[in-house]
């Protein structure tokens, strides 16, 4: 049985992520686990039973019940369960994903304002980088599940095939896959075209996807446009009308090897479309 873990701090952005997760659950026949993590500030919370009696937890349970009811009314076919933890968000998510198997963690990119937020971009980034489970980061404007055009930031790494497989497991295989490659090595176009042909054949053999295209941008494109790499990627995504972007995050990936993890951090902090971050070897 597929399960989606959905952290929530009950903010508007977290609700958007939970709604998106429910739409995804309808499509993939998954169960939703809503997770609320309270950050505890006093020693009294060292005792779990004492923590559960704290007014913060009592209030959280009441709010969670309302959230669960609202989502269940909107998505009656989706099973929604609730979880409560105390501590550090990324640590609690890691513990929960060890206890149970999840297809994905689905979380908003920003939460409630101020230092009390548990779903600020910094925490989303921390979860993305530490999680062994794929993380689907949902921006506030992604209120509707749309998966017609899914893009992969491509550098012909074996792990990228695994990311595409994970996307198929989540979204099915009825989508167009757009491969986006930044030609940082100034490779001849003929050689890249052949490499893409072979790469697409591998993807088709591994996933049964057959609607695949690619686009190549020379590294000078960004300099000529006076854009940073991150800004340039965002421009490409808009120009290509991409609904979801797939990103790998191993040390050998496109981002970390060529442009450093700051690009991953930028995506985690400031995304305009859902991003699927998958950890590969």
Protein backbone atom coordinates (compact mmCIF):
# COMPACT_ATOMS: atom_id res chain seq x y z
CA UNK A 1 0.00 0.00 0.00
CA UNK A 2 1.37 3.41 -0.99
CA UNK A 3 1.66 6.01 1.76
CA UNK A 4 2.39 9.73 1.63
CA UNK A 5 3.83 11.55 4.66
CA UNK A 6 2.57 15.15 4.84
CA UNK A 7 4.07 17.41 7.54
CA UNK A 8 1.80 20.28 8.52
CA UNK A 9 2.00 23.31 10.79
CA UNK A 10 -1.62 24.23 9.88
CA UNK A 11 -0.53 27.25 7.85
CA UNK A 12 -2.14 28.15 4.52
CA UNK A 13 0.89 26.90 2.60
CA UNK A 14 0.85 23.62 4.49
CA UNK A 15 -2.82 23.22 3.59
CA UNK A 16 -1.98 23.67 -0.10
CA UNK A 17 0.59 20.87 0.23
CA UNK A 18 -1.91 18.64 2.05
CA UNK A 19 -4.56 19.27 -0.61
CA UNK A 20 -2.04 18.52 -3.37
CA UNK A 21 -1.08 15.31 -1.55
CA UNK A 22 -4.74 14.26 -1.36
CA UNK A 23 -5.17 14.85 -5.09
CA UNK A 24 -2.08 12.74 -5.63
CA UNK A 25 -3.44 10.08 -3.28
CA UNK A 26 -6.65 9.88 -5.31
CA UNK A 27 -4.64 9.23 -8.44
CA UNK A 28 -2.16 6.78 -6.91
CA UNK A 29 -4.55 5.15 -4.39
CA UNK A 30 -2.32 6.17 -1.49
CA UNK A 31 -2.98 6.73 2.21
CA UNK A 32 -2.17 10.13 3.72
CA UNK A 33 -0.33 10.47 7.04
CA UNK A 34 -0.59 14.04 8.33
CA UNK A 35 2.31 14.79 10.68
CA UNK A 36 2.43 17.68 13.14
CA UNK A 37 5.71 18.32 14.95
CA UNK A 38 5.75 20.65 17.94
CA UNK A 39 9.03 22.35 18.78
CA UNK A 40 9.41 22.07 22.54
CA UNK A 41 11.11 24.69 24.65
CA UNK A 42 11.15 23.40 28.22
CA UNK A 43 12.59 20.39 30.00
CA UNK A 44 9.12 19.20 30.93
CA UNK A 45 8.81 17.85 27.40
CA UNK A 46 11.56 15.35 27.92
CA UNK A 47 8.72 13.16 29.16
CA UNK A 48 6.55 12.14 26.21
CA UNK A 49 3.39 11.73 28.32
CA UNK A 50 3.86 15.18 29.79
CA UNK A 51 4.35 16.59 26.30
CA UNK A 52 1.10 15.09 25.05
CA UNK A 53 -0.78 16.79 27.90
CA UNK A 54 0.72 20.18 27.12
CA UNK A 55 -1.71 22.84 25.85
CA UNK A 56 0.29 23.07 22.60
CA UNK A 57 -0.48 19.44 21.86
CA UNK A 58 -4.10 19.75 22.96
CA UNK A 59 -4.55 22.69 20.59
CA UNK A 60 -2.68 20.88 17.82
CA UNK A 61 -4.94 17.85 18.13
CA UNK A 62 -8.04 20.00 17.85
CA UNK A 63 -6.68 21.83 14.81
CA UNK A 64 -5.56 18.57 13.24
CA UNK A 65 -9.04 17.11 13.71
CA UNK A 66 -10.54 20.08 11.87
CA UNK A 67 -7.96 19.75 9.09
CA UNK A 68 -8.61 16.03 8.74
CA UNK A 69 -12.37 16.60 8.55
CA UNK A 70 -11.98 19.34 5.93
CA UNK A 71 -9.73 17.22 3.73
CA UNK A 72 -11.93 14.14 4.15
CA UNK A 73 -14.97 16.12 3.05
CA UNK A 74 -13.14 17.34 -0.05
CA UNK A 75 -11.50 13.98 -0.80
CA UNK A 76 -13.90 11.33 0.53
CA UNK A 77 -12.09 8.48 -1.18
CA UNK A 78 -8.76 9.15 0.52
CA UNK A 79 -7.80 7.56 3.84
CA UNK A 80 -6.23 10.20 6.10
CA UNK A 81 -4.43 9.34 9.34
CA UNK A 82 -2.80 11.71 11.83
CA UNK A 83 0.51 11.67 13.70
CA UNK A 84 1.91 13.92 16.43
CA UNK A 85 5.54 14.30 17.44
CA UNK A 86 7.72 16.71 19.40
CA UNK A 87 11.25 17.77 18.55
CA UNK A 88 13.08 18.84 15.41
CA UNK A 89 11.09 18.48 12.20
CA UNK A 90 13.80 16.84 10.06
CA UNK A 91 14.69 14.41 12.86
CA UNK A 92 11.08 13.42 13.46
CA UNK A 93 10.50 12.90 9.75
CA UNK A 94 13.61 10.72 9.57
CA UNK A 95 12.39 8.62 12.50
CA UNK A 96 8.92 8.23 11.02
CA UNK A 97 10.22 7.17 7.61
CA UNK A 98 12.31 4.50 9.33
CA UNK A 99 9.24 3.17 11.12
CA UNK A 100 7.05 3.06 8.02
CA UNK A 101 7.59 3.02 4.28
CA UNK A 102 6.49 6.11 2.33
CA UNK A 103 6.41 6.70 -1.40
CA UNK A 104 6.97 10.40 -0.79
CA UNK A 105 7.16 13.19 1.74
CA UNK A 106 4.92 16.04 0.55
CA UNK A 107 5.52 19.40 2.19
CA UNK A 108 5.02 23.11 1.66
CA UNK A 109 7.93 25.40 0.99
CA UNK A 110 6.96 28.00 3.58
CA UNK A 111 4.92 27.92 6.75
CA UNK A 112 3.62 30.30 9.38
CA UNK A 113 5.49 33.57 9.74
CA UNK A 114 8.33 34.23 12.12
CA UNK A 115 10.70 31.98 14.01
CA UNK A 116 7.98 29.63 15.20
CA UNK A 117 7.44 28.21 11.71
CA UNK A 118 8.39 24.56 11.24
CA UNK A 119 7.95 24.61 7.48
CA UNK A 120 10.05 27.58 6.42
CA UNK A 121 12.21 27.16 3.35
CA UNK A 122 15.26 26.45 5.51
CA UNK A 123 13.56 23.46 7.11
CA UNK A 124 12.22 22.21 3.79
CA UNK A 125 15.78 22.37 2.45
CA UNK A 126 17.09 20.49 5.47
CA UNK A 127 14.54 17.71 5.00
CA UNK A 128 15.29 17.57 1.27
CA UNK A 129 19.02 17.12 1.81
CA UNK A 130 18.75 14.63 4.69
CA UNK A 131 15.80 12.46 3.71
CA UNK A 132 16.27 9.02 2.19
CA UNK A 133 12.64 9.25 1.02
CA UNK A 134 11.83 11.39 -2.05
CA UNK A 135 10.57 14.84 -1.08
CA UNK A 136 7.89 16.63 -3.10
CA UNK A 137 8.10 20.35 -2.32
CA UNK A 138 4.86 22.22 -3.08
CA UNK A 139 4.75 26.02 -3.59
CA UNK A 140 1.79 28.04 -2.36
CA UNK A 141 0.32 28.52 -5.85
CA UNK A 142 0.21 24.79 -6.68
CA UNK A 143 -3.41 24.32 -5.65
CA UNK A 144 -4.24 21.91 -8.46
CA UNK A 145 -2.51 18.66 -9.40
CA UNK A 146 -1.19 19.10 -12.93
CA UNK A 147 1.24 16.60 -14.44
CA UNK A 148 1.00 16.98 -18.21
CA UNK A 149 4.59 18.17 -18.61
CA UNK A 150 7.28 16.91 -16.22
CA UNK A 151 10.92 17.97 -16.60
CA UNK A 152 14.19 16.38 -15.52
CA UNK A 153 17.38 18.37 -15.06
CA UNK A 154 19.56 15.99 -17.02
CA UNK A 155 23.28 15.24 -17.01
CA UNK A 156 23.09 11.59 -18.15
CA UNK A 157 23.69 10.15 -14.68
CA UNK A 158 22.41 6.64 -13.86
CA UNK A 159 20.64 8.01 -10.79
CA UNK A 160 18.45 10.14 -13.03
CA UNK A 161 16.78 6.99 -14.33
CA UNK A 162 15.82 6.18 -10.74
CA UNK A 163 14.29 9.65 -10.33
CA UNK A 164 12.17 9.13 -13.44
CA UNK A 165 11.07 5.74 -12.09
CA UNK A 166 10.06 7.43 -8.83
CA UNK A 167 8.05 10.00 -10.78
CA UNK A 168 6.27 7.22 -12.67
CA UNK A 169 5.50 5.50 -9.36
CA UNK A 170 3.88 8.72 -8.12
CA UNK A 171 2.27 10.19 -11.23
CA UNK A 172 1.83 7.17 -13.52
CA UNK A 173 3.30 7.26 -17.03
CA UNK A 174 0.75 9.37 -18.87
CA UNK A 175 2.85 12.53 -19.05
CA UNK A 176 5.35 14.22 -21.33
CA UNK A 177 8.92 14.06 -20.05
CA UNK A 178 11.10 17.04 -20.96
CA UNK A 179 14.85 16.51 -20.47
CA UNK A 180 16.74 19.76 -19.79
CA UNK A 181 20.52 19.76 -20.21
CA UNK A 182 22.96 22.61 -19.54
CA UNK A 183 25.91 22.19 -21.92
CA UNK A 184 28.59 23.37 -19.51
CA UNK A 185 31.33 21.38 -21.29
CA UNK A 186 30.59 22.94 -24.71
CA UNK A 187 30.06 19.49 -26.21
CA UNK A 188 29.35 19.36 -29.95
CA UNK A 189 25.63 19.30 -30.67
CA UNK A 190 25.89 16.19 -32.85
CA UNK A 191 27.48 14.29 -29.98
CA UNK A 192 24.82 15.51 -27.55
CA UNK A 193 22.02 14.54 -29.92
CA UNK A 194 23.40 11.00 -30.12
CA UNK A 195 23.81 10.88 -26.34
CA UNK A 196 20.20 11.97 -25.91
CA UNK A 197 18.96 9.34 -28.37
CA UNK A 198 20.71 6.60 -26.40
CA UNK A 199 19.55 8.09 -23.08
CA UNK A 200 15.92 8.30 -24.18
CA UNK A 201 16.07 4.66 -25.33
CA UNK A 202 17.23 3.71 -21.82
CA UNK A 203 14.42 5.70 -20.19
CA UNK A 204 11.80 4.08 -22.44
CA UNK A 205 13.16 0.61 -21.67
CA UNK A 206 13.18 1.30 -17.92
CA UNK A 207 9.85 3.11 -17.51
CA UNK A 208 7.64 2.51 -20.58
CA UNK A 209 7.43 6.28 -21.04
CA UNK A 210 7.33 7.05 -24.74
CA UNK A 211 6.52 10.78 -24.84
CA UNK A 212 9.97 12.30 -24.31
CA UNK A 213 11.75 15.35 -25.71
CA UNK A 214 14.83 17.34 -24.77
CA UNK A 215 16.21 20.85 -24.79
CA UNK A 216 19.86 21.90 -24.58
CA UNK A 217 21.07 25.23 -23.24
CA UNK A 218 24.67 26.35 -23.67
CA UNK A 219 26.29 27.72 -20.53
CA UNK A 220 26.73 31.05 -22.36
CA UNK A 221 22.93 31.32 -22.51
CA UNK A 222 22.92 32.34 -18.86
CA UNK A 223 25.71 34.88 -19.27
CA UNK A 224 24.09 36.45 -22.33
CA UNK A 225 20.76 36.66 -20.55
CA UNK A 226 22.50 38.13 -17.49
CA UNK A 227 20.82 35.51 -15.31
CA UNK A 228 22.16 33.30 -12.55
CA UNK A 229 21.98 29.55 -13.15
CA UNK A 230 18.96 29.37 -10.86
CA UNK A 231 17.18 32.25 -12.61
CA UNK A 232 17.96 30.68 -15.96
CA UNK A 233 16.50 27.35 -14.91
CA UNK A 234 13.34 29.10 -13.72
CA UNK A 235 13.08 30.88 -17.09
CA UNK A 236 13.43 27.56 -18.94
CA UNK A 237 10.74 25.99 -16.78
CA UNK A 238 8.35 28.85 -17.57
CA UNK A 239 9.17 28.80 -21.28
CA UNK A 240 8.61 25.05 -21.46
CA UNK A 241 5.38 25.23 -19.42
CA UNK A 242 6.67 22.62 -16.94
CA UNK A 243 4.26 21.33 -14.27
CA UNK A 244 6.76 19.40 -12.09
CA UNK A 245 10.56 19.40 -12.02
CA UNK A 246 12.60 16.31 -11.06
CA UNK A 247 15.87 16.92 -9.22
CA UNK A 248 18.55 14.49 -8.06
CA UNK A 249 20.61 15.33 -5.00
CA UNK A 250 23.54 12.95 -4.64
CA UNK A 251 27.07 14.32 -4.46
CA UNK A 252 27.59 13.34 -8.06
CA UNK A 253 24.54 15.09 -9.45
CA UNK A 254 24.20 17.86 -11.99
CA UNK A 255 23.69 20.41 -9.23
CA UNK A 256 26.33 19.47 -6.71
CA UNK A 257 29.12 18.66 -9.14
CA UNK A 258 28.67 21.52 -11.60
CA UNK A 259 26.93 24.36 -9.81
CA UNK A 260 27.10 23.40 -6.10
CA UNK A 261 24.24 22.67 -3.74
CA UNK A 262 23.28 26.36 -3.67
CA UNK A 263 21.03 25.65 -6.67
CA UNK A 264 19.20 22.97 -4.71
CA UNK A 265 18.89 25.42 -1.84
CA UNK A 266 17.52 28.09 -4.18
CA UNK A 267 14.92 25.68 -5.51
CA UNK A 268 13.91 24.70 -1.98
CA UNK A 269 13.53 28.33 -0.94
CA UNK A 270 11.97 29.85 -4.02
CA UNK A 271 10.12 27.43 -6.30
CA UNK A 272 7.25 28.25 -8.60
CA UNK A 273 6.18 24.68 -9.43
CA UNK A 274 6.28 21.39 -7.49
CA UNK A 275 9.79 19.96 -7.20
CA UNK A 276 10.47 16.26 -6.66
CA UNK A 277 13.84 15.90 -4.92
CA UNK A 278 15.10 12.32 -4.97
CA UNK A 279 18.21 10.96 -3.34
CA UNK A 280 20.24 8.60 -5.49
CA UNK A 281 23.51 6.79 -5.01
